[in-house]
Amino acid sequence: MTANDSFDRLDDDDYPAYTMGRAAAMLGTTQGFLRAIGEARLITPLRSAGGHRRYSRYQLRIAARARELVDQGTPIEAACRIIILEDQLEEAQRINAEYRRAGETPDPPAAV
């Protein structure tokens, strides 16, 4: 792997670049909060060779949404469920939009 390959990975939203301590600091939360949303299966951090949790930017965005809901008074388990349902709804809407676009394609002209 070259240095450029390593730098390219930093632009990858799914690359597990952040340690638990760094992720918690970035989110302004505790490591326990990250463990709790992991136990609720909202996010599953990857593990380093030494067994340490590593988080991607995508996972940090999900964790930030969970923290926002918890800060508003939502219990952590409910916050995790809300986020999962929001994600499922977004995916269903995306699929429906694809079906609509496919149904809107004009029929080819009839052969004469």
PDB file of N, CA and C in Angstrom:
ATOM      1  N   MET A   1       0.850  -1.176   0.000  1.00  0.00           N
ATOM      2  CA  MET A   1       0.000   0.000   0.000  1.00  0.00           C
ATOM      3  C   MET A   1       0.893   1.235   0.000  1.00  0.00           C
ATOM      4  N   THR A   2       0.581   2.175  -0.856  1.00  0.00           N
ATOM      5  CA  THR A   2       1.373   3.393  -0.951  1.00  0.00           C
ATOM      6  C   THR A   2       0.783   4.471  -0.039  1.00  0.00           C
ATOM      7  N   ALA A   3       1.542   5.553   0.128  1.00  0.00           N
ATOM      8  CA  ALA A   3       1.055   6.671   0.938  1.00  0.00           C
ATOM      9  C   ALA A   3      -0.223   7.254   0.343  1.00  0.00           C
ATOM     10  N   ASN A   4      -0.291   7.321  -0.994  1.00  0.00           N
ATOM     11  CA  ASN A   4      -1.497   7.854  -1.637  1.00  0.00           C
ATOM     12  C   ASN A   4      -2.711   6.987  -1.344  1.00  0.00           C
ATOM     13  N   ASP A   5      -2.523   5.655  -1.294  1.00  0.00           N
ATOM     14  CA  ASP A   5      -3.638   4.759  -0.958  1.00  0.00           C
ATOM     15  C   ASP A   5      -4.154   5.068   0.445  1.00  0.00           C
ATOM     16  N   SER A   6      -3.233   5.320   1.374  1.00  0.00           N
ATOM     17  CA  SER A   6      -3.625   5.635   2.742  1.00  0.00           C
ATOM     18  C   SER A   6      -4.406   6.930   2.804  1.00  0.00           C
ATOM     19  N   PHE A   7      -3.967   7.948   2.076  1.00  0.00           N
ATOM     20  CA  PHE A   7      -4.664   9.230   2.075  1.00  0.00           C
ATOM     21  C   PHE A   7      -6.026   9.104   1.411  1.00  0.00           C
ATOM     22  N   ASP A   8      -6.146   8.290   0.362  1.00  0.00           N
ATOM     23  CA  ASP A   8      -7.430   8.085  -0.309  1.00  0.00           C
ATOM     24  C   ASP A   8      -8.457   7.495   0.648  1.00  0.00           C
ATOM     25  N   ARG A   9      -8.012   6.636   1.552  1.00  0.00           N
ATOM     26  CA  ARG A   9      -8.927   6.011   2.504  1.00  0.00           C
ATOM     27  C   ARG A   9      -9.547   7.044   3.442  1.00  0.00           C
ATOM     28  N   LEU A  10      -8.841   8.128   3.701  1.00  0.00           N
ATOM     29  CA  LEU A  10      -9.377   9.144   4.607  1.00  0.00           C
ATOM     30  C   LEU A  10     -10.612   9.823   4.036  1.00  0.00           C
ATOM     31  N   ASP A  11     -10.790   9.773   2.727  1.00  0.00           N
ATOM     32  CA  ASP A  11     -11.983  10.332   2.094  1.00  0.00           C
ATOM     33  C   ASP A  11     -13.138   9.336   2.075  1.00  0.00           C
ATOM     34  N   ASP A  12     -12.879   8.102   2.451  1.00  0.00           N
ATOM     35  CA  ASP A  12     -13.880   7.042   2.448  1.00  0.00           C
ATOM     36  C   ASP A  12     -14.729   7.141   3.720  1.00  0.00           C
ATOM     37  N   ASP A  13     -16.041   7.376   3.571  1.00  0.00           N
ATOM     38  CA  ASP A  13     -16.936   7.506   4.721  1.00  0.00           C
ATOM     39  C   ASP A  13     -17.009   6.239   5.560  1.00  0.00           C
ATOM     40  N   ASP A  14     -16.670   5.098   4.968  1.00  0.00           N
ATOM     41  CA  ASP A  14     -16.779   3.822   5.678  1.00  0.00           C
ATOM     42  C   ASP A  14     -15.458   3.341   6.269  1.00  0.00           C
ATOM     43  N   TYR A  15     -14.383   4.098   6.056  1.00  0.00           N
ATOM     44  CA  TYR A  15     -13.081   3.690   6.587  1.00  0.00           C
ATOM     45  C   TYR A  15     -13.040   3.963   8.093  1.00  0.00           C
ATOM     46  N   PRO A  16     -12.718   2.953   8.894  1.00  0.00           N
ATOM     47  CA  PRO A  16     -12.721   3.117  10.358  1.00  0.00           C
ATOM     48  C   PRO A  16     -11.468   3.853  10.853  1.00  0.00           C
ATOM     49  N   ALA A  17     -11.477   5.161  10.734  1.00  0.00           N
ATOM     50  CA  ALA A  17     -10.291   5.964  11.009  1.00  0.00           C
ATOM     51  C   ALA A  17     -10.205   6.482  12.442  1.00  0.00           C
ATOM     52  N   TYR A  18     -11.277   6.418  13.215  1.00  0.00           N
ATOM     53  CA  TYR A  18     -11.306   7.084  14.514  1.00  0.00           C
ATOM     54  C   TYR A  18     -11.366   6.091  15.670  1.00  0.00           C
ATOM     55  N   THR A  19     -10.512   6.305  16.647  1.00  0.00           N
ATOM     56  CA  THR A  19     -10.548   5.494  17.863  1.00  0.00           C
ATOM     57  C   THR A  19     -11.769   5.881  18.684  1.00  0.00           C
ATOM     58  N   MET A  20     -12.089   5.076  19.657  1.00  0.00           N
ATOM     59  CA  MET A  20     -13.236   5.372  20.504  1.00  0.00           C
ATOM     60  C   MET A  20     -13.037   6.697  21.227  1.00  0.00           C
ATOM     61  N   GLY A  21     -11.858   6.929  21.754  1.00  0.00           N
ATOM     62  CA  GLY A  21     -11.599   8.177  22.471  1.00  0.00           C
ATOM     63  C   GLY A  21     -11.744   9.385  21.571  1.00  0.00           C
ATOM     64  N   ARG A  22     -11.194   9.304  20.368  1.00  0.00           N
ATOM     65  CA  ARG A  22     -11.283  10.410  19.415  1.00  0.00           C
ATOM     66  C   ARG A  22     -12.729  10.618  18.975  1.00  0.00           C
ATOM     67  N   ALA A  23     -13.448   9.532  18.710  1.00  0.00           N
ATOM     68  CA  ALA A  23     -14.846   9.628  18.295  1.00  0.00           C
ATOM     69  C   ALA A  23     -15.679  10.288  19.388  1.00  0.00           C
ATOM     70  N   ALA A  24     -15.493   9.879  20.631  1.00  0.00           N
ATOM     71  CA  ALA A  24     -16.243  10.466  21.741  1.00  0.00           C
ATOM     72  C   ALA A  24     -15.928  11.954  21.875  1.00  0.00           C
ATOM     73  N   ALA A  25     -14.677  12.315  21.725  1.00  0.00           N
ATOM     74  CA  ALA A  25     -14.291  13.722  21.820  1.00  0.00           C
ATOM     75  C   ALA A  25     -14.918  14.538  20.691  1.00  0.00           C
ATOM     76  N   MET A  26     -14.915  13.997  19.491  1.00  0.00           N
ATOM     77  CA  MET A  26     -15.495  14.704  18.348  1.00  0.00           C
ATOM     78  C   MET A  26     -16.992  14.925  18.538  1.00  0.00           C
ATOM     79  N   LEU A  27     -17.671  13.955  19.147  1.00  0.00           N
ATOM     80  CA  LEU A  27     -19.119  14.040  19.348  1.00  0.00           C
ATOM     81  C   LEU A  27     -19.490  14.790  20.625  1.00  0.00           C
ATOM     82  N   GLY A  28     -18.494  15.029  21.483  1.00  0.00           N
ATOM     83  CA  GLY A  28     -18.779  15.679  22.759  1.00  0.00           C
ATOM     84  C   GLY A  28     -19.568  14.782  23.694  1.00  0.00           C
ATOM     85  N   THR A  29     -19.257  13.503  23.651  1.00  0.00           N
ATOM     86  CA  THR A  29     -19.981  12.530  24.469  1.00  0.00           C
ATOM     87  C   THR A  29     -18.973  11.632  25.184  1.00  0.00           C
ATOM     88  N   THR A  30     -19.448  10.609  25.820  1.00  0.00           N
ATOM     89  CA  THR A  30     -18.561   9.692  26.537  1.00  0.00           C
ATOM     90  C   THR A  30     -18.341   8.421  25.727  1.00  0.00           C
ATOM     91  N   GLN A  31     -17.319   7.701  26.091  1.00  0.00           N
ATOM     92  CA  GLN A  31     -17.079   6.402  25.463  1.00  0.00           C
ATOM     93  C   GLN A  31     -18.200   5.430  25.826  1.00  0.00           C
ATOM     94  N   GLY A  32     -18.754   5.597  27.008  1.00  0.00           N
ATOM     95  CA  GLY A  32     -19.885   4.767  27.427  1.00  0.00           C
ATOM     96  C   GLY A  32     -21.090   4.929  26.512  1.00  0.00           C
ATOM     97  N   PHE A  33     -21.314   6.150  26.034  1.00  0.00           N
ATOM     98  CA  PHE A  33     -22.409   6.393  25.095  1.00  0.00           C
ATOM     99  C   PHE A  33     -22.174   5.601  23.814  1.00  0.00           C
ATOM    100  N   LEU A  34     -20.946   5.630  23.311  1.00  0.00           N
ATOM    101  CA  LEU A  34     -20.628   4.865  22.094  1.00  0.00           C
ATOM    102  C   LEU A  34     -20.806   3.371  22.329  1.00  0.00           C
ATOM    103  N   ARG A  35     -20.409   2.901  23.488  1.00  0.00           N
ATOM    104  CA  ARG A  35     -20.617   1.483  23.809  1.00  0.00           C
ATOM    105  C   ARG A  35     -22.109   1.160  23.834  1.00  0.00           C
ATOM    106  N   ALA A  36     -22.899   2.065  24.425  1.00  0.00           N
ATOM    107  CA  ALA A  36     -24.348   1.833  24.557  1.00  0.00           C
ATOM    108  C   ALA A  36     -25.026   1.755  23.193  1.00  0.00           C
ATOM    109  N   ILE A  37     -24.679   2.641  22.268  1.00  0.00           N
ATOM    110  CA  ILE A  37     -25.322   2.564  20.958  1.00  0.00           C
ATOM    111  C   ILE A  37     -24.799   1.366  20.173  1.00  0.00           C
ATOM    112  N   GLY A  38     -23.609   0.904  20.504  1.00  0.00           N
ATOM    113  CA  GLY A  38     -23.110  -0.340  19.920  1.00  0.00           C
ATOM    114  C   GLY A  38     -23.880  -1.536  20.447  1.00  0.00           C
ATOM    115  N   GLU A  39     -24.143  -1.536  21.762  1.00  0.00           N
ATOM    116  CA  GLU A  39     -24.921  -2.628  22.363  1.00  0.00           C
ATOM    117  C   GLU A  39     -26.357  -2.640  21.851  1.00  0.00           C
ATOM    118  N   ALA A  40     -26.881  -1.464  21.520  1.00  0.00           N
ATOM    119  CA  ALA A  40     -28.230  -1.373  20.957  1.00  0.00           C
ATOM    120  C   ALA A  40     -28.223  -1.703  19.464  1.00  0.00           C
ATOM    121  N   ARG A  41     -27.058  -2.007  18.938  1.00  0.00           N
ATOM    122  CA  ARG A  41     -26.860  -2.409  17.541  1.00  0.00           C
ATOM    123  C   ARG A  41     -27.206  -1.316  16.530  1.00  0.00           C
ATOM    124  N   LEU A  42     -27.048  -0.065  16.971  1.00  0.00           N
ATOM    125  CA  LEU A  42     -27.235   1.031  16.030  1.00  0.00           C
ATOM    126  C   LEU A  42     -26.033   1.114  15.104  1.00  0.00           C
ATOM    127  N   ILE A  43     -24.851   0.984  15.677  1.00  0.00           N
ATOM    128  CA  ILE A  43     -23.617   0.939  14.890  1.00  0.00           C
ATOM    129  C   ILE A  43     -22.773  -0.210  15.409  1.00  0.00           C
ATOM    130  N   THR A  44     -21.973  -0.775  14.533  1.00  0.00           N
ATOM    131  CA  THR A  44     -21.051  -1.837  14.920  1.00  0.00           C
ATOM    132  C   THR A  44     -19.658  -1.407  14.497  1.00  0.00           C
ATOM    133  N   PRO A  45     -18.879  -0.903  15.444  1.00  0.00           N
ATOM    134  CA  PRO A  45     -17.542  -0.457  15.077  1.00  0.00           C
ATOM    135  C   PRO A  45     -16.662  -1.632  14.670  1.00  0.00           C
ATOM    136  N   LEU A  46     -15.755  -1.351  13.792  1.00  0.00           N
ATOM    137  CA  LEU A  46     -14.777  -2.375  13.438  1.00  0.00           C
ATOM    138  C   LEU A  46     -13.760  -2.462  14.562  1.00  0.00           C
ATOM    139  N   ARG A  47     -13.017  -3.523  14.590  1.00  0.00           N
ATOM    140  CA  ARG A  47     -12.004  -3.708  15.636  1.00  0.00           C
ATOM    141  C   ARG A  47     -10.625  -3.715  15.004  1.00  0.00           C
ATOM    142  N   SER A  48      -9.688  -3.059  15.676  1.00  0.00           N
ATOM    143  CA  SER A  48      -8.299  -3.070  15.220  1.00  0.00           C
ATOM    144  C   SER A  48      -7.709  -4.440  15.541  1.00  0.00           C
ATOM    145  N   ALA A  49      -6.489  -4.676  15.094  1.00  0.00           N
ATOM    146  CA  ALA A  49      -5.820  -5.956  15.380  1.00  0.00           C
ATOM    147  C   ALA A  49      -5.709  -6.184  16.883  1.00  0.00           C
ATOM    148  N   GLY A  50      -5.613  -5.112  17.639  1.00  0.00           N
ATOM    149  CA  GLY A  50      -5.523  -5.212  19.092  1.00  0.00           C
ATOM    150  C   GLY A  50      -6.873  -5.268  19.788  1.00  0.00           C
ATOM    151  N   GLY A  51      -7.963  -5.260  19.022  1.00  0.00           N
ATOM    152  CA  GLY A  51      -9.298  -5.370  19.590  1.00  0.00           C
ATOM    153  C   GLY A  51      -9.950  -4.046  19.941  1.00  0.00           C
ATOM    154  N   HIS A  52      -9.321  -2.931  19.595  1.00  0.00           N
ATOM    155  CA  HIS A  52      -9.880  -1.617  19.908  1.00  0.00           C
ATOM    156  C   HIS A  52     -10.937  -1.217  18.881  1.00  0.00           C
ATOM    157  N   ARG A  53     -11.972  -0.562  19.365  1.00  0.00           N
ATOM    158  CA  ARG A  53     -13.045  -0.116  18.473  1.00  0.00           C
ATOM    159  C   ARG A  53     -12.562   1.018  17.585  1.00  0.00           C
ATOM    160  N   ARG A  54     -12.971   0.963  16.314  1.00  0.00           N
ATOM    161  CA  ARG A  54     -12.657   2.005  15.333  1.00  0.00           C
ATOM    162  C   ARG A  54     -13.946   2.404  14.634  1.00  0.00           C
ATOM    163  N   TYR A  55     -14.134   3.704  14.479  1.00  0.00           N
ATOM    164  CA  TYR A  55     -15.368   4.240  13.915  1.00  0.00           C
ATOM    165  C   TYR A  55     -15.101   4.965  12.605  1.00  0.00           C
ATOM    166  N   SER A  56     -16.060   4.878  11.699  1.00  0.00           N
ATOM    167  CA  SER A  56     -15.991   5.592  10.417  1.00  0.00           C
ATOM    168  C   SER A  56     -16.744   6.918  10.545  1.00  0.00           C
ATOM    169  N   ARG A  57     -16.564   7.777   9.563  1.00  0.00           N
ATOM    170  CA  ARG A  57     -17.302   9.044   9.559  1.00  0.00           C
ATOM    171  C   ARG A  57     -18.796   8.789   9.451  1.00  0.00           C
ATOM    172  N   TYR A  58     -19.183   7.799   8.664  1.00  0.00           N
ATOM    173  CA  TYR A  58     -20.599   7.451   8.545  1.00  0.00           C
ATOM    174  C   TYR A  58     -21.163   7.070   9.919  1.00  0.00           C
ATOM    175  N   GLN A  59     -20.444   6.244  10.649  1.00  0.00           N
ATOM    176  CA  GLN A  59     -20.901   5.831  11.980  1.00  0.00           C
ATOM    177  C   GLN A  59     -20.961   7.015  12.938  1.00  0.00           C
ATOM    178  N   LEU A  60     -20.037   7.945  12.790  1.00  0.00           N
ATOM    179  CA  LEU A  60     -20.052   9.124  13.657  1.00  0.00           C
ATOM    180  C   LEU A  60     -21.274  10.002  13.370  1.00  0.00           C
ATOM    181  N   ARG A  61     -21.683  10.081  12.124  1.00  0.00           N
ATOM    182  CA  ARG A  61     -22.892  10.843  11.803  1.00  0.00           C
ATOM    183  C   ARG A  61     -24.124  10.197  12.448  1.00  0.00           C
ATOM    184  N   ILE A  62     -24.191   8.879  12.420  1.00  0.00           N
ATOM    185  CA  ILE A  62     -25.304   8.171  13.064  1.00  0.00           C
ATOM    186  C   ILE A  62     -25.259   8.394  14.575  1.00  0.00           C
ATOM    187  N   ALA A  63     -24.077   8.294  15.150  1.00  0.00           N
ATOM    188  CA  ALA A  63     -23.920   8.505  16.595  1.00  0.00           C
ATOM    189  C   ALA A  63     -24.302   9.937  16.978  1.00  0.00           C
ATOM    190  N   ALA A  64     -23.969  10.903  16.123  1.00  0.00           N
ATOM    191  CA  ALA A  64     -24.331  12.297  16.394  1.00  0.00           C
ATOM    192  C   ALA A  64     -25.847  12.465  16.400  1.00  0.00           C
ATOM    193  N   ARG A  65     -26.536  11.783  15.487  1.00  0.00           N
ATOM    194  CA  ARG A  65     -28.009  11.837  15.452  1.00  0.00           C
ATOM    195  C   ARG A  65     -28.582  11.229  16.727  1.00  0.00           C
ATOM    196  N   ALA A  66     -27.995  10.116  17.173  1.00  0.00           N
ATOM    197  CA  ALA A  66     -28.456   9.482  18.409  1.00  0.00           C
ATOM    198  C   ALA A  66     -28.247  10.423  19.595  1.00  0.00           C
ATOM    199  N   ARG A  67     -27.096  11.061  19.629  1.00  0.00           N
ATOM    200  CA  ARG A  67     -26.817  11.991  20.727  1.00  0.00           C
ATOM    201  C   ARG A  67     -27.815  13.142  20.719  1.00  0.00           C
ATOM    202  N   GLU A  68     -28.151  13.635  19.543  1.00  0.00           N
ATOM    203  CA  GLU A  68     -29.127  14.726  19.417  1.00  0.00           C
ATOM    204  C   GLU A  68     -30.468  14.316  20.031  1.00  0.00           C
ATOM    205  N   LEU A  69     -30.927  13.107  19.713  1.00  0.00           N
ATOM    206  CA  LEU A  69     -32.197  12.632  20.261  1.00  0.00           C
ATOM    207  C   LEU A  69     -32.118  12.433  21.768  1.00  0.00           C
ATOM    208  N   VAL A  70     -31.009  11.868  22.237  1.00  0.00           N
ATOM    209  CA  VAL A  70     -30.837  11.646  23.680  1.00  0.00           C
ATOM    210  C   VAL A  70     -30.777  12.987  24.416  1.00  0.00           C
ATOM    211  N   ASP A  71     -30.099  13.962  23.837  1.00  0.00           N
ATOM    212  CA  ASP A  71     -30.030  15.288  24.452  1.00  0.00           C
ATOM    213  C   ASP A  71     -31.405  15.934  24.553  1.00  0.00           C
ATOM    214  N   GLN A  72     -32.336  15.536  23.670  1.00  0.00           N
ATOM    215  CA  GLN A  72     -33.705  16.064  23.690  1.00  0.00           C
ATOM    216  C   GLN A  72     -34.587  15.292  24.669  1.00  0.00           C
ATOM    217  N   GLY A  73     -34.005  14.294  25.345  1.00  0.00           N
ATOM    218  CA  GLY A  73     -34.749  13.557  26.359  1.00  0.00           C
ATOM    219  C   GLY A  73     -35.229  12.181  25.944  1.00  0.00           C
ATOM    220  N   THR A  74     -34.888  11.740  24.746  1.00  0.00           N
ATOM    221  CA  THR A  74     -35.298  10.417  24.284  1.00  0.00           C
ATOM    222  C   THR A  74     -34.398   9.359  24.914  1.00  0.00           C
ATOM    223  N   PRO A  75     -34.960   8.302  25.483  1.00  0.00           N
ATOM    224  CA  PRO A  75     -34.119   7.221  26.007  1.00  0.00           C
ATOM    225  C   PRO A  75     -33.243   6.632  24.894  1.00  0.00           C
ATOM    226  N   ILE A  76     -32.074   6.188  25.241  1.00  0.00           N
ATOM    227  CA  ILE A  76     -31.098   5.746  24.235  1.00  0.00           C
ATOM    228  C   ILE A  76     -31.631   4.612  23.367  1.00  0.00           C
ATOM    229  N   GLU A  77     -32.343   3.651  23.975  1.00  0.00           N
ATOM    230  CA  GLU A  77     -32.882   2.541  23.192  1.00  0.00           C
ATOM    231  C   GLU A  77     -33.905   3.042  22.186  1.00  0.00           C
ATOM    232  N   ALA A  78     -34.743   3.991  22.606  1.00  0.00           N
ATOM    233  CA  ALA A  78     -35.751   4.562  21.704  1.00  0.00           C
ATOM    234  C   ALA A  78     -35.080   5.385  20.605  1.00  0.00           C
ATOM    235  N   ALA A  79     -34.039   6.127  20.960  1.00  0.00           N
ATOM    236  CA  ALA A  79     -33.314   6.926  19.969  1.00  0.00           C
ATOM    237  C   ALA A  79     -32.726   6.015  18.889  1.00  0.00           C
ATOM    238  N   CYS A  80     -32.149   4.912  19.309  1.00  0.00           N
ATOM    239  CA  CYS A  80     -31.570   3.968  18.348  1.00  0.00           C
ATOM    240  C   CYS A  80     -32.654   3.404  17.432  1.00  0.00           C
ATOM    241  N   ARG A  81     -33.794   3.059  17.998  1.00  0.00           N
ATOM    242  CA  ARG A  81     -34.896   2.509  17.188  1.00  0.00           C
ATOM    243  C   ARG A  81     -35.419   3.553  16.205  1.00  0.00           C
ATOM    244  N   ILE A  82     -35.533   4.792  16.646  1.00  0.00           N
ATOM    245  CA  ILE A  82     -35.988   5.875  15.766  1.00  0.00           C
ATOM    246  C   ILE A  82     -35.053   6.014  14.578  1.00  0.00           C
ATOM    247  N   ILE A  83     -33.760   5.997  14.835  1.00  0.00           N
ATOM    248  CA  ILE A  83     -32.784   6.167  13.759  1.00  0.00           C
ATOM    249  C   ILE A  83     -32.853   4.996  12.779  1.00  0.00           C
ATOM    250  N   ILE A  84     -33.005   3.794  13.295  1.00  0.00           N
ATOM    251  CA  ILE A  84     -33.123   2.615  12.425  1.00  0.00           C
ATOM    252  C   ILE A  84     -34.371   2.747  11.550  1.00  0.00           C
ATOM    253  N   LEU A  85     -35.487   3.170  12.141  1.00  0.00           N
ATOM    254  CA  LEU A  85     -36.727   3.339  11.369  1.00  0.00           C
ATOM    255  C   LEU A  85     -36.604   4.466  10.350  1.00  0.00           C
ATOM    256  N   GLU A  86     -35.930   5.555  10.710  1.00  0.00           N
ATOM    257  CA  GLU A  86     -35.704   6.644   9.751  1.00  0.00           C
ATOM    258  C   GLU A  86     -34.895   6.135   8.559  1.00  0.00           C
ATOM    259  N   ASP A  87     -33.893   5.320   8.838  1.00  0.00           N
ATOM    260  CA  ASP A  87     -33.055   4.770   7.773  1.00  0.00           C
ATOM    261  C   ASP A  87     -33.863   3.845   6.869  1.00  0.00           C
ATOM    262  N   GLN A  88     -34.700   3.002   7.468  1.00  0.00           N
ATOM    263  CA  GLN A  88     -35.538   2.103   6.684  1.00  0.00           C
ATOM    264  C   GLN A  88     -36.532   2.877   5.822  1.00  0.00           C
ATOM    265  N   LEU A  89     -37.096   3.941   6.366  1.00  0.00           N
ATOM    266  CA  LEU A  89     -38.026   4.766   5.605  1.00  0.00           C
ATOM    267  C   LEU A  89     -37.318   5.432   4.425  1.00  0.00           C
ATOM    268  N   GLU A  90     -36.143   5.959   4.660  1.00  0.00           N
ATOM    269  CA  GLU A  90     -35.370   6.594   3.582  1.00  0.00           C
ATOM    270  C   GLU A  90     -35.068   5.599   2.465  1.00  0.00           C
ATOM    271  N   GLU A  91     -34.703   4.389   2.827  1.00  0.00           N
ATOM    272  CA  GLU A  91     -34.420   3.355   1.826  1.00  0.00           C
ATOM    273  C   GLU A  91     -35.685   2.994   1.047  1.00  0.00           C
ATOM    274  N   ALA A  92     -36.812   2.859   1.731  1.00  0.00           N
ATOM    275  CA  ALA A  92     -38.079   2.534   1.054  1.00  0.00           C
ATOM    276  C   ALA A  92     -38.474   3.658   0.096  1.00  0.00           C
ATOM    277  N   GLN A  93     -38.275   4.896   0.501  1.00  0.00           N
ATOM    278  CA  GLN A  93     -38.594   6.021  -0.377  1.00  0.00           C
ATOM    279  C   GLN A  93     -37.688   6.038  -1.603  1.00  0.00           C
ATOM    280  N   ARG A  94     -36.430   5.690  -1.421  1.00  0.00           N
ATOM    281  CA  ARG A  94     -35.498   5.629  -2.542  1.00  0.00           C
ATOM    282  C   ARG A  94     -35.929   4.554  -3.540  1.00  0.00           C
ATOM    283  N   ILE A  95     -36.305   3.390  -3.032  1.00  0.00           N
ATOM    284  CA  ILE A  95     -36.751   2.288  -3.895  1.00  0.00           C
ATOM    285  C   ILE A  95     -38.033   2.672  -4.625  1.00  0.00           C
ATOM    286  N   ASN A  96     -38.977   3.298  -3.918  1.00  0.00           N
ATOM    287  CA  ASN A  96     -40.230   3.738  -4.557  1.00  0.00           C
ATOM    288  C   ASN A  96     -39.952   4.741  -5.665  1.00  0.00           C
ATOM    289  N   ALA A  97     -39.037   5.654  -5.446  1.00  0.00           N
ATOM    290  CA  ALA A  97     -38.695   6.644  -6.468  1.00  0.00           C
ATOM    291  C   ALA A  97     -38.104   5.961  -7.698  1.00  0.00           C
ATOM    292  N   GLU A  98     -37.297   4.929  -7.482  1.00  0.00           N
ATOM    293  CA  GLU A  98     -36.738   4.178  -8.613  1.00  0.00           C
ATOM    294  C   GLU A  98     -37.842   3.497  -9.408  1.00  0.00           C
ATOM    295  N   TYR A  99     -38.802   2.895  -8.700  1.00  0.00           N
ATOM    296  CA  TYR A  99     -39.926   2.242  -9.384  1.00  0.00           C
ATOM    297  C   TYR A  99     -40.748   3.254 -10.169  1.00  0.00           C
ATOM    298  N   ARG A 100     -40.978   4.420  -9.585  1.00  0.00           N
ATOM    299  CA  ARG A 100     -41.740   5.454 -10.285  1.00  0.00           C
ATOM    300  C   ARG A 100     -41.025   5.894 -11.550  1.00  0.00           C
ATOM    301  N   ARG A 101     -39.707   6.114 -11.445  1.00  0.00           N
ATOM    302  CA  ARG A 101     -38.937   6.526 -12.624  1.00  0.00           C
ATOM    303  C   ARG A 101     -38.982   5.452 -13.699  1.00  0.00           C
ATOM    304  N   ALA A 102     -38.878   4.184 -13.294  1.00  0.00           N
ATOM    305  CA  ALA A 102     -38.930   3.090 -14.261  1.00  0.00           C
ATOM    306  C   ALA A 102     -40.293   3.019 -14.940  1.00  0.00           C
ATOM    307  N   GLY A 103     -41.368   3.330 -14.189  1.00  0.00           N
ATOM    308  CA  GLY A 103     -42.718   3.298 -14.749  1.00  0.00           C
ATOM    309  C   GLY A 103     -43.031   4.481 -15.631  1.00  0.00           C
ATOM    310  N   GLU A 104     -42.268   5.537 -15.528  1.00  0.00           N
ATOM    311  CA  GLU A 104     -42.525   6.734 -16.314  1.00  0.00           C
ATOM    312  C   GLU A 104     -41.834   6.730 -17.681  1.00  0.00           C
ATOM    313  N   THR A 105     -40.997   5.741 -17.936  1.00  0.00           N
ATOM    314  CA  THR A 105     -40.316   5.716 -19.229  1.00  0.00           C
ATOM    315  C   THR A 105     -41.354   5.479 -20.323  1.00  0.00           C
ATOM    316  N   PRO A 106     -41.297   6.268 -21.379  1.00  0.00           N
ATOM    317  CA  PRO A 106     -42.291   6.116 -22.448  1.00  0.00           C
ATOM    318  C   PRO A 106     -42.111   4.782 -23.173  1.00  0.00           C
ATOM    319  N   ASP A 107     -43.251   4.284 -23.646  1.00  0.00           N
ATOM    320  CA  ASP A 107     -43.199   3.044 -24.433  1.00  0.00           C
ATOM    321  C   ASP A 107     -42.520   3.336 -25.758  1.00  0.00           C
ATOM    322  N   PRO A 108     -41.785   2.371 -26.293  1.00  0.00           N
ATOM    323  CA  PRO A 108     -41.157   2.608 -27.606  1.00  0.00           C
ATOM    324  C   PRO A 108     -42.237   2.750 -28.674  1.00  0.00           C
ATOM    325  N   PRO A 109     -41.944   3.498 -29.729  1.00  0.00           N
ATOM    326  CA  PRO A 109     -42.938   3.679 -30.793  1.00  0.00           C
ATOM    327  C   PRO A 109     -43.333   2.339 -31.400  1.00  0.00           C
ATOM    328  N   ALA A 110     -44.600   2.241 -31.779  1.00  0.00           N
ATOM    329  CA  ALA A 110     -45.112   1.001 -32.381  1.00  0.00           C
ATOM    330  C   ALA A 110     -44.536   0.829 -33.791  1.00  0.00           C
ATOM    331  N   ALA A 111     -44.267  -0.400 -34.143  1.00  0.00           N
ATOM    332  CA  ALA A 111     -43.743  -0.702 -35.498  1.00  0.00           C
ATOM    333  C   ALA A 111     -44.844  -0.450 -36.517  1.00  0.00           C
ATOM    334  N   VAL A 112     -44.483   0.079 -37.635  1.00  0.00           N
ATOM    335  CA  VAL A 112     -45.467   0.394 -38.682  1.00  0.00           C
ATOM    336  C   VAL A 112     -45.502  -0.667 -39.721  1.00  0.00           C
TER     337      VAL A 112
END
